[in-house]
Each structure stands twice: as C-alpha cells, then as structure tokens.
PDB file of N, CA and C in Angstrom:
ATOM      1  N   MET A   1      17.341 -12.121  17.842  1.00  0.00           N
ATOM      2  CA  MET A   1      16.618 -10.865  17.873  1.00  0.00           C
ATOM      3  C   MET A   1      16.025 -10.688  19.265  1.00  0.00           C
ATOM      4  N   THR A   2      16.251  -9.542  19.839  1.00  0.00           N
ATOM      5  CA  THR A   2      15.740  -9.282  21.181  1.00  0.00           C
ATOM      6  C   THR A   2      14.239  -8.999  21.109  1.00  0.00           C
ATOM      7  N   ASN A   3      13.593  -9.078  22.265  1.00  0.00           N
ATOM      8  CA  ASN A   3      12.158  -8.792  22.313  1.00  0.00           C
ATOM      9  C   ASN A   3      11.860  -7.377  21.842  1.00  0.00           C
ATOM     10  N   SER A   4      12.723  -6.430  22.200  1.00  0.00           N
ATOM     11  CA  SER A   4      12.527  -5.041  21.793  1.00  0.00           C
ATOM     12  C   SER A   4      12.586  -4.905  20.269  1.00  0.00           C
ATOM     13  N   ASN A   5      13.569  -5.544  19.640  1.00  0.00           N
ATOM     14  CA  ASN A   5      13.684  -5.503  18.180  1.00  0.00           C
ATOM     15  C   ASN A   5      12.511  -6.198  17.512  1.00  0.00           C
ATOM     16  N   ARG A   6      12.065  -7.311  18.071  1.00  0.00           N
ATOM     17  CA  ARG A   6      10.938  -8.059  17.528  1.00  0.00           C
ATOM     18  C   ARG A   6       9.667  -7.202  17.597  1.00  0.00           C
ATOM     19  N   THR A   7       9.464  -6.526  18.726  1.00  0.00           N
ATOM     20  CA  THR A   7       8.303  -5.658  18.885  1.00  0.00           C
ATOM     21  C   THR A   7       8.344  -4.515  17.885  1.00  0.00           C
ATOM     22  N   LYS A   8       9.516  -3.913  17.721  1.00  0.00           N
ATOM     23  CA  LYS A   8       9.659  -2.814  16.771  1.00  0.00           C
ATOM     24  C   LYS A   8       9.345  -3.284  15.354  1.00  0.00           C
ATOM     25  N   LYS A   9       9.862  -4.455  14.968  1.00  0.00           N
ATOM     26  CA  LYS A   9       9.606  -4.990  13.633  1.00  0.00           C
ATOM     27  C   LYS A   9       8.116  -5.258  13.442  1.00  0.00           C
ATOM     28  N   ASN A  10       7.459  -5.854  14.445  1.00  0.00           N
ATOM     29  CA  ASN A  10       6.026  -6.117  14.353  1.00  0.00           C
ATOM     30  C   ASN A  10       5.240  -4.810  14.246  1.00  0.00           C
ATOM     31  N   ASN A  11       5.629  -3.810  15.025  1.00  0.00           N
ATOM     32  CA  ASN A  11       4.958  -2.514  14.959  1.00  0.00           C
ATOM     33  C   ASN A  11       5.147  -1.877  13.595  1.00  0.00           C
ATOM     34  N   ASN A  12       6.347  -1.987  13.023  1.00  0.00           N
ATOM     35  CA  ASN A  12       6.604  -1.441  11.689  1.00  0.00           C
ATOM     36  C   ASN A  12       5.735  -2.128  10.653  1.00  0.00           C
ATOM     37  N   MET A  13       5.613  -3.455  10.754  1.00  0.00           N
ATOM     38  CA  MET A  13       4.802  -4.194   9.792  1.00  0.00           C
ATOM     39  C   MET A  13       3.330  -3.859   9.964  1.00  0.00           C
ATOM     40  N   GLU A  14       2.885  -3.740  11.195  1.00  0.00           N
ATOM     41  CA  GLU A  14       1.488  -3.348  11.428  1.00  0.00           C
ATOM     42  C   GLU A  14       1.220  -1.967  10.838  1.00  0.00           C
ATOM     43  N   TYR A  15       2.148  -1.057  11.013  1.00  0.00           N
ATOM     44  CA  TYR A  15       2.010   0.280  10.450  1.00  0.00           C
ATOM     45  C   TYR A  15       1.992   0.215   8.919  1.00  0.00           C
ATOM     46  N   ALA A  16       2.889  -0.579   8.345  1.00  0.00           N
ATOM     47  CA  ALA A  16       2.941  -0.737   6.888  1.00  0.00           C
ATOM     48  C   ALA A  16       1.621  -1.303   6.367  1.00  0.00           C
ATOM     49  N   GLU A  17       1.087  -2.299   7.057  1.00  0.00           N
ATOM     50  CA  GLU A  17      -0.198  -2.875   6.652  1.00  0.00           C
ATOM     51  C   GLU A  17      -1.315  -1.839   6.757  1.00  0.00           C
ATOM     52  N   THR A  18      -1.270  -1.019   7.786  1.00  0.00           N
ATOM     53  CA  THR A  18      -2.279   0.031   7.942  1.00  0.00           C
ATOM     54  C   THR A  18      -2.227   1.006   6.774  1.00  0.00           C
ATOM     55  N   ILE A  19      -1.032   1.425   6.400  1.00  0.00           N
ATOM     56  CA  ILE A  19      -0.881   2.343   5.263  1.00  0.00           C
ATOM     57  C   ILE A  19      -1.400   1.671   3.989  1.00  0.00           C
ATOM     58  N   ALA A  20      -1.039   0.422   3.774  1.00  0.00           N
ATOM     59  CA  ALA A  20      -1.486  -0.294   2.572  1.00  0.00           C
ATOM     60  C   ALA A  20      -3.006  -0.458   2.557  1.00  0.00           C
ATOM     61  N   LEU A  21      -3.598  -0.750   3.700  1.00  0.00           N
ATOM     62  CA  LEU A  21      -5.058  -0.890   3.761  1.00  0.00           C
ATOM     63  C   LEU A  21      -5.746   0.453   3.525  1.00  0.00           C
ATOM     64  N   LYS A  22      -5.147   1.521   3.989  1.00  0.00           N
ATOM     65  CA  LYS A  22      -5.685   2.849   3.687  1.00  0.00           C
ATOM     66  C   LYS A  22      -5.593   3.117   2.187  1.00  0.00           C
ATOM     67  N   ALA A  23      -4.532   2.628   1.561  1.00  0.00           N
ATOM     68  CA  ALA A  23      -4.377   2.780   0.110  1.00  0.00           C
ATOM     69  C   ALA A  23      -5.466   1.990  -0.624  1.00  0.00           C
ATOM     70  N   VAL A  24      -5.781   0.795  -0.143  1.00  0.00           N
ATOM     71  CA  VAL A  24      -6.875   0.012  -0.732  1.00  0.00           C
ATOM     72  C   VAL A  24      -8.166   0.819  -0.650  1.00  0.00           C
ATOM     73  N   HIS A  25      -8.445   1.364   0.516  1.00  0.00           N
ATOM     74  CA  HIS A  25      -9.654   2.171   0.698  1.00  0.00           C
ATOM     75  C   HIS A  25      -9.656   3.362  -0.253  1.00  0.00           C
ATOM     76  N   PHE A  26      -8.525   4.025  -0.373  1.00  0.00           N
ATOM     77  CA  PHE A  26      -8.392   5.172  -1.267  1.00  0.00           C
ATOM     78  C   PHE A  26      -8.720   4.771  -2.705  1.00  0.00           C
ATOM     79  N   ILE A  27      -8.213   3.641  -3.127  1.00  0.00           N
ATOM     80  CA  ILE A  27      -8.455   3.159  -4.490  1.00  0.00           C
ATOM     81  C   ILE A  27      -9.936   2.835  -4.686  1.00  0.00           C
ATOM     82  N   LEU A  28     -10.537   2.186  -3.718  1.00  0.00           N
ATOM     83  CA  LEU A  28     -11.931   1.763  -3.853  1.00  0.00           C
ATOM     84  C   LEU A  28     -12.924   2.913  -3.813  1.00  0.00           C
ATOM     85  N   THR A  29     -12.557   4.019  -3.206  1.00  0.00           N
ATOM     86  CA  THR A  29     -13.510   5.117  -3.055  1.00  0.00           C
ATOM     87  C   THR A  29     -13.481   6.132  -4.196  1.00  0.00           C
ATOM     88  N   ASP A  30     -12.614   5.934  -5.153  1.00  0.00           N
ATOM     89  CA  ASP A  30     -12.550   6.825  -6.309  1.00  0.00           C
ATOM     90  C   ASP A  30     -12.726   5.984  -7.572  1.00  0.00           C
ATOM     91  N   ASP A  31     -13.822   6.203  -8.280  1.00  0.00           N
ATOM     92  CA  ASP A  31     -14.140   5.367  -9.445  1.00  0.00           C
ATOM     93  C   ASP A  31     -13.036   5.365 -10.503  1.00  0.00           C
ATOM     94  N   GLU A  32     -12.470   6.536 -10.784  1.00  0.00           N
ATOM     95  CA  GLU A  32     -11.419   6.628 -11.805  1.00  0.00           C
ATOM     96  C   GLU A  32     -10.169   5.856 -11.367  1.00  0.00           C
ATOM     97  N   THR A  33      -9.772   6.032 -10.124  1.00  0.00           N
ATOM     98  CA  THR A  33      -8.594   5.329  -9.611  1.00  0.00           C
ATOM     99  C   THR A  33      -8.849   3.826  -9.567  1.00  0.00           C
ATOM    100  N   GLN A  34     -10.040   3.457  -9.149  1.00  0.00           N
ATOM    101  CA  GLN A  34     -10.398   2.036  -9.105  1.00  0.00           C
ATOM    102  C   GLN A  34     -10.301   1.413 -10.499  1.00  0.00           C
ATOM    103  N   GLN A  35     -10.805   2.102 -11.507  1.00  0.00           N
ATOM    104  CA  GLN A  35     -10.752   1.570 -12.867  1.00  0.00           C
ATOM    105  C   GLN A  35      -9.307   1.462 -13.362  1.00  0.00           C
ATOM    106  N   LYS A  36      -8.471   2.449 -13.043  1.00  0.00           N
ATOM    107  CA  LYS A  36      -7.058   2.368 -13.429  1.00  0.00           C
ATOM    108  C   LYS A  36      -6.378   1.185 -12.750  1.00  0.00           C
ATOM    109  N   PHE A  37      -6.725   0.951 -11.490  1.00  0.00           N
ATOM    110  CA  PHE A  37      -6.156  -0.187 -10.768  1.00  0.00           C
ATOM    111  C   PHE A  37      -6.565  -1.490 -11.445  1.00  0.00           C
ATOM    112  N   ILE A  38      -7.839  -1.619 -11.789  1.00  0.00           N
ATOM    113  CA  ILE A  38      -8.323  -2.828 -12.475  1.00  0.00           C
ATOM    114  C   ILE A  38      -7.615  -2.985 -13.811  1.00  0.00           C
ATOM    115  N   ASP A  39      -7.520  -1.901 -14.574  1.00  0.00           N
ATOM    116  CA  ASP A  39      -6.861  -1.950 -15.886  1.00  0.00           C
ATOM    117  C   ASP A  39      -5.403  -2.377 -15.765  1.00  0.00           C
ATOM    118  N   ASN A  40      -4.714  -1.885 -14.735  1.00  0.00           N
ATOM    119  CA  ASN A  40      -3.290  -2.190 -14.559  1.00  0.00           C
ATOM    120  C   ASN A  40      -3.029  -3.567 -13.971  1.00  0.00           C
ATOM    121  N   THR A  41      -3.926  -4.044 -13.124  1.00  0.00           N
ATOM    122  CA  THR A  41      -3.644  -5.279 -12.387  1.00  0.00           C
ATOM    123  C   THR A  41      -4.529  -6.457 -12.779  1.00  0.00           C
ATOM    124  N   GLY A  42      -5.712  -6.169 -13.306  1.00  0.00           N
ATOM    125  CA  GLY A  42      -6.675  -7.237 -13.576  1.00  0.00           C
ATOM    126  C   GLY A  42      -7.365  -7.733 -12.311  1.00  0.00           C
ATOM    127  N   ILE A  43      -7.124  -7.051 -11.204  1.00  0.00           N
ATOM    128  CA  ILE A  43      -7.733  -7.426  -9.929  1.00  0.00           C
ATOM    129  C   ILE A  43      -8.958  -6.548  -9.706  1.00  0.00           C
ATOM    130  N   PHE A  44     -10.102  -7.204  -9.506  1.00  0.00           N
ATOM    131  CA  PHE A  44     -11.362  -6.501  -9.304  1.00  0.00           C
ATOM    132  C   PHE A  44     -11.656  -6.359  -7.812  1.00  0.00           C
ATOM    133  N   PRO A  45     -12.410  -5.324  -7.447  1.00  0.00           N
ATOM    134  CA  PRO A  45     -12.774  -5.156  -6.044  1.00  0.00           C
ATOM    135  C   PRO A  45     -13.408  -6.410  -5.427  1.00  0.00           C
ATOM    136  N   SER A  46     -14.114  -7.176  -6.218  1.00  0.00           N
ATOM    137  CA  SER A  46     -14.718  -8.408  -5.697  1.00  0.00           C
ATOM    138  C   SER A  46     -13.658  -9.418  -5.260  1.00  0.00           C
ATOM    139  N   ASP A  47     -12.433  -9.273  -5.761  1.00  0.00           N
ATOM    140  CA  ASP A  47     -11.331 -10.159  -5.377  1.00  0.00           C
ATOM    141  C   ASP A  47     -10.657  -9.710  -4.080  1.00  0.00           C
ATOM    142  N   PHE A  48     -10.868  -8.468  -3.699  1.00  0.00           N
ATOM    143  CA  PHE A  48     -10.134  -7.897  -2.572  1.00  0.00           C
ATOM    144  C   PHE A  48     -10.351  -8.668  -1.278  1.00  0.00           C
ATOM    145  N   GLU A  49     -11.592  -9.058  -1.011  1.00  0.00           N
ATOM    146  CA  GLU A  49     -11.873  -9.743   0.256  1.00  0.00           C
ATOM    147  C   GLU A  49     -11.023 -11.007   0.404  1.00  0.00           C
ATOM    148  N   ARG A  50     -10.830 -11.696  -0.700  1.00  0.00           N
ATOM    149  CA  ARG A  50     -10.070 -12.942  -0.684  1.00  0.00           C
ATOM    150  C   ARG A  50      -8.570 -12.702  -0.497  1.00  0.00           C
ATOM    151  N   ILE A  51      -8.056 -11.582  -0.991  1.00  0.00           N
ATOM    152  CA  ILE A  51      -6.602 -11.370  -0.997  1.00  0.00           C
ATOM    153  C   ILE A  51      -6.137 -10.211  -0.124  1.00  0.00           C
ATOM    154  N   ILE A  52      -7.042  -9.601   0.602  1.00  0.00           N
ATOM    155  CA  ILE A  52      -6.729  -8.376   1.337  1.00  0.00           C
ATOM    156  C   ILE A  52      -5.588  -8.537   2.341  1.00  0.00           C
ATOM    157  N   LYS A  53      -5.377  -9.717   2.863  1.00  0.00           N
ATOM    158  CA  LYS A  53      -4.311  -9.922   3.851  1.00  0.00           C
ATOM    159  C   LYS A  53      -3.019 -10.447   3.221  1.00  0.00           C
ATOM    160  N   ASP A  54      -3.011 -10.618   1.921  1.00  0.00           N
ATOM    161  CA  ASP A  54      -1.830 -11.126   1.225  1.00  0.00           C
ATOM    162  C   ASP A  54      -0.783 -10.010   1.140  1.00  0.00           C
ATOM    163  N   PRO A  55       0.386 -10.204   1.750  1.00  0.00           N
ATOM    164  CA  PRO A  55       1.414  -9.158   1.732  1.00  0.00           C
ATOM    165  C   PRO A  55       1.841  -8.759   0.313  1.00  0.00           C
ATOM    166  N   GLU A  56       1.824  -9.685  -0.620  1.00  0.00           N
ATOM    167  CA  GLU A  56       2.194  -9.340  -1.991  1.00  0.00           C
ATOM    168  C   GLU A  56       1.150  -8.414  -2.622  1.00  0.00           C
ATOM    169  N   PHE A  57      -0.117  -8.667  -2.345  1.00  0.00           N
ATOM    170  CA  PHE A  57      -1.178  -7.788  -2.831  1.00  0.00           C
ATOM    171  C   PHE A  57      -1.023  -6.393  -2.241  1.00  0.00           C
ATOM    172  N   LEU A  58      -0.807  -6.320  -0.929  1.00  0.00           N
ATOM    173  CA  LEU A  58      -0.656  -5.013  -0.283  1.00  0.00           C
ATOM    174  C   LEU A  58       0.546  -4.259  -0.833  1.00  0.00           C
ATOM    175  N   GLY A  59       1.630  -4.967  -1.080  1.00  0.00           N
ATOM    176  CA  GLY A  59       2.791  -4.336  -1.707  1.00  0.00           C
ATOM    177  C   GLY A  59       2.456  -3.830  -3.096  1.00  0.00           C
ATOM    178  N   GLY A  60       1.680  -4.612  -3.836  1.00  0.00           N
ATOM    179  CA  GLY A  60       1.264  -4.210  -5.178  1.00  0.00           C
ATOM    180  C   GLY A  60       0.375  -2.977  -5.168  1.00  0.00           C
ATOM    181  N   VAL A  61      -0.464  -2.870  -4.157  1.00  0.00           N
ATOM    182  CA  VAL A  61      -1.309  -1.684  -4.016  1.00  0.00           C
ATOM    183  C   VAL A  61      -0.428  -0.445  -3.828  1.00  0.00           C
ATOM    184  N   LEU A  62       0.579  -0.581  -2.985  1.00  0.00           N
ATOM    185  CA  LEU A  62       1.497   0.546  -2.790  1.00  0.00           C
ATOM    186  C   LEU A  62       2.280   0.832  -4.067  1.00  0.00           C
ATOM    187  N   ASP A  63       2.685  -0.203  -4.791  1.00  0.00           N
ATOM    188  CA  ASP A  63       3.367   0.004  -6.079  1.00  0.00           C
ATOM    189  C   ASP A  63       2.497   0.809  -7.032  1.00  0.00           C
ATOM    190  N   PHE A  64       1.212   0.483  -7.064  1.00  0.00           N
ATOM    191  CA  PHE A  64       0.278   1.201  -7.931  1.00  0.00           C
ATOM    192  C   PHE A  64       0.276   2.692  -7.592  1.00  0.00           C
ATOM    193  N   LEU A  65       0.178   3.008  -6.322  1.00  0.00           N
ATOM    194  CA  LEU A  65       0.184   4.425  -5.925  1.00  0.00           C
ATOM    195  C   LEU A  65       1.522   5.089  -6.230  1.00  0.00           C
ATOM    196  N   LEU A  66       2.599   4.378  -5.968  1.00  0.00           N
ATOM    197  CA  LEU A  66       3.931   4.948  -6.197  1.00  0.00           C
ATOM    198  C   LEU A  66       4.184   5.232  -7.674  1.00  0.00           C
ATOM    199  N   ALA A  67       3.492   4.519  -8.546  1.00  0.00           N
ATOM    200  CA  ALA A  67       3.650   4.722  -9.986  1.00  0.00           C
ATOM    201  C   ALA A  67       2.739   5.832 -10.522  1.00  0.00           C
ATOM    202  N   ASN A  68       1.876   6.366  -9.663  1.00  0.00           N
ATOM    203  CA  ASN A  68       0.920   7.402 -10.061  1.00  0.00           C
ATOM    204  C   ASN A  68       1.078   8.606  -9.140  1.00  0.00           C
ATOM    205  N   GLU A  69       2.007   9.487  -9.483  1.00  0.00           N
ATOM    206  CA  GLU A  69       2.398  10.568  -8.576  1.00  0.00           C
ATOM    207  C   GLU A  69       1.230  11.441  -8.116  1.00  0.00           C
ATOM    208  N   ASP A  70       0.330  11.802  -9.020  1.00  0.00           N
ATOM    209  CA  ASP A  70      -0.795  12.651  -8.622  1.00  0.00           C
ATOM    210  C   ASP A  70      -1.655  11.964  -7.567  1.00  0.00           C
ATOM    211  N   LYS A  71      -1.934  10.687  -7.777  1.00  0.00           N
ATOM    212  CA  LYS A  71      -2.744   9.927  -6.813  1.00  0.00           C
ATOM    213  C   LYS A  71      -1.974   9.699  -5.514  1.00  0.00           C
ATOM    214  N   LEU A  72      -0.675   9.498  -5.621  1.00  0.00           N
ATOM    215  CA  LEU A  72       0.156   9.341  -4.432  1.00  0.00           C
ATOM    216  C   LEU A  72       0.072  10.584  -3.558  1.00  0.00           C
ATOM    217  N   ILE A  73       0.215  11.749  -4.175  1.00  0.00           N
ATOM    218  CA  ILE A  73       0.153  13.010  -3.430  1.00  0.00           C
ATOM    219  C   ILE A  73      -1.234  13.183  -2.813  1.00  0.00           C
ATOM    220  N   GLU A  74      -2.254  12.876  -3.571  1.00  0.00           N
ATOM    221  CA  GLU A  74      -3.625  12.994  -3.063  1.00  0.00           C
ATOM    222  C   GLU A  74      -3.840  12.056  -1.864  1.00  0.00           C
ATOM    223  N   PHE A  75      -3.377  10.807  -2.004  1.00  0.00           N
ATOM    224  CA  PHE A  75      -3.488   9.835  -0.913  1.00  0.00           C
ATOM    225  C   PHE A  75      -2.757  10.330   0.333  1.00  0.00           C
ATOM    226  N   CYS A  76      -1.538  10.793   0.160  1.00  0.00           N
ATOM    227  CA  CYS A  76      -0.744  11.253   1.299  1.00  0.00           C
ATOM    228  C   CYS A  76      -1.371  12.465   1.968  1.00  0.00           C
ATOM    229  N   THR A  77      -1.898  13.374   1.169  1.00  0.00           N
ATOM    230  CA  THR A  77      -2.557  14.553   1.721  1.00  0.00           C
ATOM    231  C   THR A  77      -3.776  14.143   2.543  1.00  0.00           C
ATOM    232  N   GLU A  78      -4.594  13.260   1.993  1.00  0.00           N
ATOM    233  CA  GLU A  78      -5.793  12.793   2.704  1.00  0.00           C
ATOM    234  C   GLU A  78      -5.444  12.096   4.019  1.00  0.00           C
ATOM    235  N   ASN A  79      -4.325  11.398   4.033  1.00  0.00           N
ATOM    236  CA  ASN A  79      -3.947  10.617   5.213  1.00  0.00           C
ATOM    237  C   ASN A  79      -2.916  11.303   6.094  1.00  0.00           C
ATOM    238  N   GLU A  80      -2.591  12.533   5.736  1.00  0.00           N
ATOM    239  CA  GLU A  80      -1.662  13.360   6.518  1.00  0.00           C
ATOM    240  C   GLU A  80      -0.331  12.653   6.780  1.00  0.00           C
ATOM    241  N   ILE A  81       0.227  12.110   5.700  1.00  0.00           N
ATOM    242  CA  ILE A  81       1.551  11.490   5.761  1.00  0.00           C
ATOM    243  C   ILE A  81       2.411  12.109   4.664  1.00  0.00           C
ATOM    244  N   THR A  82       3.709  11.980   4.807  1.00  0.00           N
ATOM    245  CA  THR A  82       4.603  12.519   3.787  1.00  0.00           C
ATOM    246  C   THR A  82       4.569  11.629   2.544  1.00  0.00           C
ATOM    247  N   PRO A  83       4.844  12.175   1.386  1.00  0.00           N
ATOM    248  CA  PRO A  83       4.869  11.381   0.167  1.00  0.00           C
ATOM    249  C   PRO A  83       5.936  10.278   0.177  1.00  0.00           C
ATOM    250  N   GLU A  84       6.916  10.382   1.057  1.00  0.00           N
ATOM    251  CA  GLU A  84       7.956   9.357   1.163  1.00  0.00           C
ATOM    252  C   GLU A  84       7.492   8.134   1.966  1.00  0.00           C
ATOM    253  N   GLU A  85       6.465   8.312   2.759  1.00  0.00           N
ATOM    254  CA  GLU A  85       6.034   7.243   3.666  1.00  0.00           C
ATOM    255  C   GLU A  85       5.580   5.970   2.948  1.00  0.00           C
ATOM    256  N   PRO A  86       4.741   6.041   1.907  1.00  0.00           N
ATOM    257  CA  PRO A  86       4.376   4.807   1.214  1.00  0.00           C
ATOM    258  C   PRO A  86       5.590   4.066   0.639  1.00  0.00           C
ATOM    259  N   SER A  87       6.553   4.802   0.150  1.00  0.00           N
ATOM    260  CA  SER A  87       7.772   4.182  -0.363  1.00  0.00           C
ATOM    261  C   SER A  87       8.555   3.495   0.751  1.00  0.00           C
ATOM    262  N   ARG A  88       8.629   4.152   1.888  1.00  0.00           N
ATOM    263  CA  ARG A  88       9.360   3.587   3.027  1.00  0.00           C
ATOM    264  C   ARG A  88       8.715   2.279   3.497  1.00  0.00           C
ATOM    265  N   VAL A  89       7.397   2.282   3.654  1.00  0.00           N
ATOM    266  CA  VAL A  89       6.746   1.068   4.153  1.00  0.00           C
ATOM    267  C   VAL A  89       6.662  -0.011   3.075  1.00  0.00           C
ATOM    268  N   ARG A  90       6.697   0.389   1.804  1.00  0.00           N
ATOM    269  CA  ARG A  90       6.660  -0.596   0.713  1.00  0.00           C
ATOM    270  C   ARG A  90       7.805  -1.586   0.828  1.00  0.00           C
ATOM    271  N   ARG A  91       8.914  -1.133   1.331  1.00  0.00           N
ATOM    272  CA  ARG A  91      10.109  -1.976   1.450  1.00  0.00           C
ATOM    273  C   ARG A  91       9.908  -3.152   2.403  1.00  0.00           C
ATOM    274  N   LEU A  92       8.874  -3.094   3.232  1.00  0.00           N
ATOM    275  CA  LEU A  92       8.618  -4.174   4.199  1.00  0.00           C
ATOM    276  C   LEU A  92       7.827  -5.330   3.597  1.00  0.00           C
ATOM    277  N   PHE A  93       7.269  -5.134   2.405  1.00  0.00           N
ATOM    278  CA  PHE A  93       6.456  -6.164   1.761  1.00  0.00           C
ATOM    279  C   PHE A  93       7.280  -6.957   0.754  1.00  0.00           C
ATOM    280  N   PRO A  94       6.853  -8.199   0.467  1.00  0.00           N
ATOM    281  CA  PRO A  94       7.561  -9.001  -0.540  1.00  0.00           C
ATOM    282  C   PRO A  94       7.570  -8.303  -1.896  1.00  0.00           C
ATOM    283  N   GLY A  95       8.623  -8.529  -2.648  1.00  0.00           N
ATOM    284  CA  GLY A  95       8.732  -7.994  -3.997  1.00  0.00           C
ATOM    285  C   GLY A  95       9.205  -6.560  -4.069  1.00  0.00           C
ATOM    286  N   ALA A  96       9.618  -6.023  -2.941  1.00  0.00           N
ATOM    287  CA  ALA A  96      10.060  -4.630  -2.928  1.00  0.00           C
ATOM    288  C   ALA A  96      11.362  -4.482  -3.705  1.00  0.00           C
ATOM    289  N   THR A  97      11.429  -3.370  -4.399  1.00  0.00           N
ATOM    290  CA  THR A  97      12.682  -2.993  -5.046  1.00  0.00           C
ATOM    291  C   THR A  97      13.155  -1.731  -4.350  1.00  0.00           C
ATOM    292  N   PHE A  98      14.371  -1.399  -4.533  1.00  0.00           N
ATOM    293  CA  PHE A  98      14.900  -0.225  -3.852  1.00  0.00           C
ATOM    294  C   PHE A  98      14.891   0.986  -4.764  1.00  0.00           C
ATOM    295  N   GLY A  99      14.128   0.903  -5.861  1.00  0.00           N
ATOM    296  CA  GLY A  99      14.002   2.017  -6.783  1.00  0.00           C
ATOM    297  C   GLY A  99      13.072   3.100  -6.289  1.00  0.00           C
ATOM    298  N   TYR A 100      12.253   2.806  -5.277  1.00  0.00           N
ATOM    299  CA  TYR A 100      11.296   3.796  -4.762  1.00  0.00           C
ATOM    300  C   TYR A 100      11.931   4.600  -3.681  1.00  0.00           C
TER     301      TYR A 100
END
C-alpha cells in the first residue's frame, strides 16, 4: 500500500469515527432515542466512556441509526450529511454487512 493510499484509508476511518461519534452524541441528547438504544442494546450511557473507542461499538451505534429511519433522517439533517453517508461509513467498521 502506498503512502497516499494509507493516508486516504486513515482519513476515511477518521471520518467514519467522526460520524459514529456524532451519532453517539445524537443518541445521548435525546431521551427517547437514548432509551430505545438502551432497550435494544443493553448498553447504558455510563458504559460509553469505557467503550467509546471500540470500533465494534461505533459500528453498532451506526447500525442502530440505520435500523431507525426517522432517527437516521433526523441525524443526517442535523449533521448536514446525506442519508446514505452513515451506511457508507458503516462498512469501515467490524461486523459490517452489505445490506445497508
């Protein structure tokens, strides 16, 4: 892999992590969404600090949004990104499926 390709891959992953971290923030700032996340995952906000850098957790956060179209649209609108963007960056995290 050339330096240019390596830099591009690192930049893509940094961007993907940024989107996922924005999704975490989005989930934490809405009580209803936060409760749905807890109900679906069993992961409480108090656990976030410990796992926030775990790529599988970040992928799971994006999976949660991708499974909730209304919240996905709201998240994308707030962050001025297309609704396809979370799906695109989700593919960079472990456990990705190509169904999104």
